[in-house]
N, C-alpha and C. Protein backbone atom coordinates (compact mmCIF):
# COMPACT_ATOMS: atom_id res chain seq x y z
N MET A 1 23.22 3.57 27.79
CA MET A 1 22.03 3.01 28.22
C MET A 1 20.62 3.33 27.32
N LEU A 2 20.07 2.56 26.78
CA LEU A 2 19.27 2.09 26.27
C LEU A 2 17.53 2.69 26.61
N ARG A 3 16.78 3.44 25.89
CA ARG A 3 15.68 4.06 26.75
C ARG A 3 14.67 2.93 25.80
N GLN A 4 13.37 2.80 26.77
CA GLN A 4 12.54 1.99 26.18
C GLN A 4 11.42 3.36 25.95
N PHE A 5 10.74 2.93 24.74
CA PHE A 5 9.53 3.77 24.09
C PHE A 5 8.34 2.97 24.42
N ASP A 6 7.65 4.11 24.70
CA ASP A 6 5.98 3.88 24.91
C ASP A 6 5.46 3.75 23.72
N LEU A 7 4.87 2.66 23.19
CA LEU A 7 4.22 2.76 21.77
C LEU A 7 3.07 3.42 21.84
N ASN A 8 2.63 3.77 22.79
CA ASN A 8 1.35 4.23 23.01
C ASN A 8 1.19 5.48 22.99
N ALA A 9 2.57 6.18 23.89
CA ALA A 9 2.47 7.65 23.75
C ALA A 9 2.29 8.57 22.44
N CYS A 10 2.81 7.95 21.44
CA CYS A 10 2.57 8.32 20.24
C CYS A 10 1.59 7.59 19.05
N GLN A 11 0.25 8.02 19.40
CA GLN A 11 -0.60 7.10 18.49
C GLN A 11 -0.66 7.98 17.35
N ILE A 12 -0.50 7.38 15.96
CA ILE A 12 -0.56 8.08 14.78
C ILE A 12 -2.07 7.76 14.09
N THR A 13 -2.52 8.74 14.03
CA THR A 13 -4.27 7.97 13.38
C THR A 13 -4.54 7.74 11.67
N ASP A 14 -5.07 7.23 11.09
CA ASP A 14 -4.90 7.00 9.63
C ASP A 14 -5.30 8.23 9.06
N LYS A 15 -5.91 9.15 9.60
CA LYS A 15 -6.23 10.68 9.04
C LYS A 15 -4.75 11.43 8.73
N GLU A 16 -4.12 11.57 9.71
CA GLU A 16 -2.25 11.70 9.33
C GLU A 16 -1.90 11.00 8.67
N VAL A 17 -1.71 9.52 8.68
CA VAL A 17 -1.17 9.09 7.29
C VAL A 17 -1.69 9.65 5.85
N ILE A 18 -3.14 9.60 5.85
CA ILE A 18 -3.68 10.10 4.75
C ILE A 18 -3.01 11.55 4.49
N ASP A 19 -3.52 12.45 5.18
CA ASP A 19 -3.08 13.53 4.99
C ASP A 19 -1.56 13.56 4.54
N LEU A 20 -0.41 13.01 4.97
CA LEU A 20 0.99 13.00 4.63
C LEU A 20 0.92 12.62 3.01
N LEU A 21 0.54 11.31 2.96
CA LEU A 21 0.70 10.77 1.85
C LEU A 21 -0.34 11.37 0.59
N VAL A 22 -1.26 12.21 1.06
CA VAL A 22 -2.23 13.17 0.04
C VAL A 22 -1.12 14.43 -0.25
N SER A 23 -0.54 14.64 0.64
CA SER A 23 0.27 16.11 0.50
C SER A 23 1.37 15.76 -0.30
N THR A 24 2.18 14.32 -0.55
CA THR A 24 2.78 13.94 -1.29
C THR A 24 2.43 14.16 -2.76
N LEU A 25 1.28 13.64 -3.16
CA LEU A 25 0.94 14.02 -4.58
C LEU A 25 0.95 15.10 -5.04
N ASP A 26 0.62 15.95 -4.11
CA ASP A 26 0.72 17.95 -4.70
C ASP A 26 2.23 17.91 -4.58
N SER A 27 3.28 17.50 -4.07
CA SER A 27 4.84 17.31 -4.13
C SER A 27 5.06 17.84 -5.54
N PRO A 28 5.94 18.61 -5.89
CA PRO A 28 6.87 19.09 -6.98
C PRO A 28 8.00 18.18 -7.64
N TYR A 29 8.41 17.42 -6.67
CA TYR A 29 9.18 16.17 -6.86
C TYR A 29 8.92 14.61 -6.77
N ALA A 30 7.21 14.65 -6.56
CA ALA A 30 6.90 13.34 -6.61
C ALA A 30 6.49 13.20 -8.45
N ASN A 31 7.29 11.95 -8.56
CA ASN A 31 7.08 11.43 -10.05
C ASN A 31 5.75 10.66 -10.07
N TYR A 32 5.64 9.86 -11.53
CA TYR A 32 4.42 9.21 -11.64
C TYR A 32 4.35 7.97 -10.65
N LEU A 33 5.60 7.55 -10.49
CA LEU A 33 6.04 6.44 -9.91
C LEU A 33 5.56 6.33 -8.30
N THR A 34 6.05 7.70 -7.57
CA THR A 34 5.79 7.88 -6.45
C THR A 34 4.40 8.02 -6.16
N ARG A 35 3.73 8.91 -7.10
CA ARG A 35 2.30 8.77 -6.83
C ARG A 35 1.24 7.75 -6.96
N GLN A 36 2.15 6.61 -7.95
CA GLN A 36 1.50 5.32 -8.12
C GLN A 36 1.33 4.55 -6.68
N PHE A 37 2.97 4.39 -6.33
CA PHE A 37 3.11 4.44 -4.55
C PHE A 37 2.03 4.98 -3.50
N VAL A 38 1.86 6.09 -3.60
CA VAL A 38 0.63 6.66 -3.37
C VAL A 38 -0.62 6.69 -3.45
N LEU A 39 -1.10 6.16 -4.30
CA LEU A 39 -2.17 5.56 -4.52
C LEU A 39 -2.74 4.19 -4.15
N ALA A 40 -1.35 3.39 -4.09
CA ALA A 40 -1.92 2.27 -3.97
C ALA A 40 -2.04 1.95 -2.40
N ALA A 41 -0.73 3.18 -1.54
CA ALA A 41 -1.13 2.77 0.06
C ALA A 41 -2.07 3.26 0.34
N ILE A 42 -2.97 4.49 0.06
CA ILE A 42 -4.14 5.17 0.54
C ILE A 42 -5.65 4.13 0.34
N THR A 43 -5.23 3.26 -1.04
CA THR A 43 -6.17 2.28 -1.02
C THR A 43 -6.26 1.26 -0.22
N LYS A 44 -4.97 1.19 0.32
CA LYS A 44 -4.66 -0.58 1.16
C LYS A 44 -5.63 0.26 2.68
N ILE A 45 -4.75 1.52 3.10
CA ILE A 45 -5.51 1.96 4.38
C ILE A 45 -6.89 2.03 4.49
N SER A 46 -7.77 2.18 3.50
CA SER A 46 -9.10 2.29 2.96
C SER A 46 -9.76 0.98 3.71
N SER A 47 -8.97 0.08 3.47
CA SER A 47 -9.52 -1.34 3.71
C SER A 47 -9.39 -1.54 5.52
N ARG A 48 -8.71 -0.84 6.24
CA ARG A 48 -8.41 -0.92 7.89
C ARG A 48 -10.02 -0.71 8.33
N THR A 49 -9.83 -1.30 9.25
CA THR A 49 -11.29 -1.39 10.40
C THR A 49 -11.09 0.10 10.66
N THR A 50 -10.23 0.47 11.08
CA THR A 50 -10.20 1.96 12.02
C THR A 50 -10.11 2.99 11.04
N THR A 51 -10.29 2.84 9.50
CA THR A 51 -10.30 4.12 8.60
C THR A 51 -12.00 4.51 8.84
N SER A 52 -11.94 5.74 9.19
CA SER A 52 -13.49 6.13 9.27
C SER A 52 -13.77 6.24 7.70
N SER A 53 -15.33 6.49 7.76
CA SER A 53 -16.20 6.80 6.50
C SER A 53 -15.87 8.04 5.83
N ALA A 54 -15.52 9.03 6.77
CA ALA A 54 -15.26 10.36 6.41
C ALA A 54 -13.79 10.20 5.81
N GLU A 55 -12.79 9.35 6.20
CA GLU A 55 -11.72 8.94 5.43
C GLU A 55 -11.79 8.26 4.48
N GLN A 56 -12.76 7.43 4.37
CA GLN A 56 -13.07 6.49 3.04
C GLN A 56 -13.52 7.27 1.90
N ASP A 57 -14.35 8.46 2.27
CA ASP A 57 -14.75 9.14 1.18
C ASP A 57 -13.99 9.90 0.66
N ARG A 58 -12.98 10.63 1.52
CA ARG A 58 -11.95 11.31 1.18
C ARG A 58 -10.92 10.34 0.21
N ILE A 59 -10.63 8.98 0.53
CA ILE A 59 -9.76 8.57 -0.39
C ILE A 59 -10.45 8.34 -1.55
N ALA A 60 -11.48 8.09 -1.67
CA ALA A 60 -12.32 7.71 -3.00
C ALA A 60 -12.29 8.85 -3.93
N ALA A 61 -12.40 10.23 -3.31
CA ALA A 61 -12.46 11.46 -4.24
C ALA A 61 -11.39 11.63 -4.87
N VAL A 62 -10.21 11.27 -3.86
CA VAL A 62 -8.46 11.30 -4.34
C VAL A 62 -8.37 10.31 -5.66
N LEU A 63 -8.64 9.14 -5.41
CA LEU A 63 -8.92 8.04 -6.56
C LEU A 63 -9.71 8.56 -7.62
N ALA A 64 -10.67 9.03 -7.67
CA ALA A 64 -11.31 9.59 -8.71
C ALA A 64 -10.85 10.78 -9.34
N GLN A 65 -9.93 11.49 -8.81
CA GLN A 65 -9.56 12.54 -9.30
C GLN A 65 -8.42 12.16 -9.93
N TYR A 66 -7.63 11.18 -9.94
CA TYR A 66 -6.75 10.83 -11.04
C TYR A 66 -6.97 9.96 -11.80
N THR A 67 -8.20 9.39 -12.11
CA THR A 67 -8.80 8.52 -13.03
C THR A 67 -8.79 9.56 -14.49
N THR A 68 -8.92 10.89 -14.50
CA THR A 68 -8.82 11.30 -15.49
C THR A 68 -7.34 12.16 -15.84
N THR A 69 -6.21 11.73 -15.38
CA THR A 69 -4.73 12.52 -15.30
C THR A 69 -4.32 12.57 -17.08
N LEU A 70 -3.30 13.00 -17.15
CA LEU A 70 -2.86 12.73 -18.19
C LEU A 70 -1.80 11.64 -18.31
N GLU A 71 -1.04 11.27 -17.48
CA GLU A 71 -0.10 10.31 -16.89
C GLU A 71 -0.89 9.01 -17.06
N LEU A 72 -0.93 8.35 -18.20
CA LEU A 72 -1.49 6.61 -18.33
C LEU A 72 -1.06 6.04 -17.40
N GLU A 73 -0.09 5.55 -17.18
CA GLU A 73 0.34 4.56 -15.86
C GLU A 73 -0.55 5.26 -14.69
N LEU A 74 -0.32 6.29 -14.38
CA LEU A 74 -1.38 7.01 -13.00
C LEU A 74 -2.85 6.67 -13.14
N GLN A 75 -3.22 6.79 -14.47
CA GLN A 75 -4.59 6.90 -14.67
C GLN A 75 -4.89 5.68 -14.54
N GLN A 76 -4.37 4.66 -15.38
CA GLN A 76 -4.57 3.00 -15.12
C GLN A 76 -4.49 2.42 -13.65
N ARG A 77 -3.43 3.29 -13.11
CA ARG A 77 -3.86 2.55 -11.36
C ARG A 77 -4.71 3.05 -10.70
N ALA A 78 -5.09 4.47 -10.78
CA ALA A 78 -6.39 4.81 -10.45
C ALA A 78 -7.64 4.45 -10.80
N VAL A 79 -7.83 4.09 -11.85
CA VAL A 79 -8.92 3.38 -12.15
C VAL A 79 -9.36 2.28 -11.77
N GLU A 80 -8.09 1.36 -11.92
CA GLU A 80 -8.16 -0.03 -11.28
C GLU A 80 -8.42 0.14 -9.66
N PHE A 81 -7.77 1.29 -8.94
CA PHE A 81 -7.87 1.66 -7.80
C PHE A 81 -9.31 1.59 -7.43
N VAL A 82 -9.75 2.53 -8.08
CA VAL A 82 -11.43 2.93 -8.27
C VAL A 82 -12.34 1.95 -8.34
N SER A 83 -12.18 0.66 -9.46
CA SER A 83 -13.15 0.01 -9.22
C SER A 83 -12.74 -1.24 -8.24
N LEU A 84 -11.72 -1.26 -7.85
CA LEU A 84 -11.41 -2.19 -6.35
C LEU A 84 -11.91 -1.92 -4.97
N PHE A 85 -11.96 -0.12 -4.82
CA PHE A 85 -12.55 0.60 -4.23
C PHE A 85 -14.22 -0.13 -4.33
N ASN A 86 -14.62 -0.11 -5.09
CA ASN A 86 -16.25 -0.12 -5.30
C ASN A 86 -16.67 -1.36 -4.90
N LEU A 87 -15.79 -2.48 -4.64
CA LEU A 87 -16.17 -4.12 -4.51
C LEU A 87 -16.40 -4.21 -3.26
N GLY A 88 -16.76 -3.29 -1.96
CA GLY A 88 -17.43 -3.36 -0.81
C GLY A 88 -16.39 -4.57 0.12
N ASP A 89 -16.83 -5.29 0.48
CA ASP A 89 -16.55 -6.43 1.28
C ASP A 89 -15.07 -7.06 0.73
N LEU A 90 -15.37 -7.61 -0.60
CA LEU A 90 -14.48 -8.39 -1.30
C LEU A 90 -12.96 -7.80 -1.24
N ARG A 91 -12.87 -6.26 -0.99
CA ARG A 91 -11.80 -5.18 -1.27
C ARG A 91 -10.79 -5.62 -0.12
N GLU A 92 -11.86 -5.79 0.98
CA GLU A 92 -10.84 -5.70 2.30
C GLU A 92 -9.54 -7.31 2.00
N GLY A 93 -10.57 -8.06 1.72
CA GLY A 93 -9.74 -9.38 1.31
C GLY A 93 -8.67 -9.32 0.55
N VAL A 94 -8.88 -8.50 -0.89
CA VAL A 94 -7.89 -8.15 -1.98
C VAL A 94 -6.97 -7.37 -1.08
N LEU A 95 -6.77 -6.44 -0.28
CA LEU A 95 -6.24 -5.62 0.31
C LEU A 95 -5.78 -6.15 1.58
N GLU A 96 -5.95 -7.14 2.21
CA GLU A 96 -5.37 -7.73 3.28
C GLU A 96 -3.95 -7.61 3.60
N ARG A 97 -3.40 -7.66 4.67
CA ARG A 97 -1.93 -7.72 5.00
C ARG A 97 -1.21 -8.61 4.54
N MET A 98 -0.04 -8.83 3.38
CA MET A 98 0.43 -10.04 3.23
C MET A 98 1.41 -10.60 4.38
N PRO A 99 1.53 -11.73 4.02
CA PRO A 99 2.42 -12.37 5.00
C PRO A 99 3.60 -12.13 4.73
N PRO A 100 4.45 -12.17 5.36
CA PRO A 100 5.78 -12.00 5.31
C PRO A 100 6.67 -13.45 4.37
N PRO A 101 7.34 -13.30 3.78
CA PRO A 101 7.78 -14.31 2.81
C PRO A 101 8.82 -15.12 3.86
N GLU A 102 8.45 -16.22 3.59
CA GLU A 102 9.33 -17.39 4.20
C GLU A 102 11.15 -17.37 4.09
N LEU A 103 11.52 -17.16 5.40
CA LEU A 103 13.21 -16.88 5.20
C LEU A 103 13.82 -18.36 4.59
N LYS A 104 13.27 -19.55 4.63
CA LYS A 104 13.97 -20.98 3.81
C LYS A 104 14.27 -20.45 2.59
N THR A 105 13.57 -19.85 1.48
CA THR A 105 14.30 -20.11 0.33
C THR A 105 14.73 -18.72 -0.09
N THR A 106 16.03 -18.58 -0.31
CA THR A 106 16.71 -17.60 -0.82
C THR A 106 17.43 -17.81 -2.09
N ILE A 107 17.97 -16.74 -2.60
CA ILE A 107 18.78 -16.65 -4.08
C ILE A 107 19.97 -17.90 -4.01
N MET A 108 20.51 -17.88 -3.01
CA MET A 108 21.53 -19.09 -2.80
C MET A 108 21.53 -20.03 -1.75
N GLY A 109 20.48 -19.98 -1.15
CA GLY A 109 20.01 -20.50 0.07
C GLY A 109 19.35 -21.95 -0.13
N THR A 110 19.12 -22.53 0.76
CA THR A 110 18.29 -24.01 0.61
C THR A 110 16.79 -23.74 0.31
N GLY A 111 16.58 -24.31 -0.71
CA GLY A 111 14.83 -24.41 -1.05
C GLY A 111 13.97 -25.05 -0.25
N ALA A 112 12.90 -25.21 -0.25
CA ALA A 112 11.88 -25.75 0.51
C ALA A 112 12.11 -27.59 0.28
N SER A 113 12.72 -28.20 -0.88
CA SER A 113 13.00 -29.36 -1.30
C SER A 113 14.74 -29.93 -0.40
N GLY A 114 15.20 -29.07 0.06
CA GLY A 114 16.39 -29.46 0.67
C GLY A 114 17.66 -29.13 -0.02
N PHE A 115 17.20 -28.96 -1.35
CA PHE A 115 18.63 -28.76 -2.31
C PHE A 115 18.64 -27.46 -2.30
N THR A 116 20.20 -27.17 -2.87
CA THR A 116 20.37 -25.43 -2.83
C THR A 116 20.06 -25.26 -4.30
N LEU A 117 20.04 -24.10 -4.59
CA LEU A 117 19.38 -23.73 -6.11
C LEU A 117 20.37 -23.75 -6.98
N ARG A 118 21.77 -23.76 -6.32
CA ARG A 118 22.74 -24.02 -7.44
C ARG A 118 22.69 -25.13 -7.67
N GLU A 119 22.38 -26.34 -6.98
CA GLU A 119 22.48 -27.79 -7.02
C GLU A 119 21.52 -28.03 -7.82
N ARG A 120 20.16 -27.47 -8.02
CA ARG A 120 19.16 -27.81 -8.56
C ARG A 120 18.91 -27.33 -9.91
N PHE A 121 19.83 -25.89 -10.16
CA PHE A 121 19.67 -25.76 -11.76
C PHE A 121 21.33 -25.99 -12.36
N CYS A 122 22.07 -26.45 -11.80
CA CYS A 122 23.13 -26.50 -12.44
C CYS A 122 23.63 -27.75 -12.77
């Protein structure tokens, strides 16, 4: 028997998500790539309308902290995200949700023109 889940029963706040992501940054098991993904995730969360100004300030502080890290890739991402964070309203447009890709185009499937990729390139 399948049970119905009530989506309203378990509301997760932006603060809880940010807490979890920031705790990942401090993990000894998180490499620089994981940290880059976390910085990207908290930057995207900052553009949500549900994120409070206190949480946005916290995100800005976390990003600023990583602008001086010794890991150059991580430092570069942090500087980029801080610059993006300071753009204000433009930030929301840049960080808005990406639409899902169209399912019509696949590696071996049919492209938008009706030809299969194999027919087109072989």
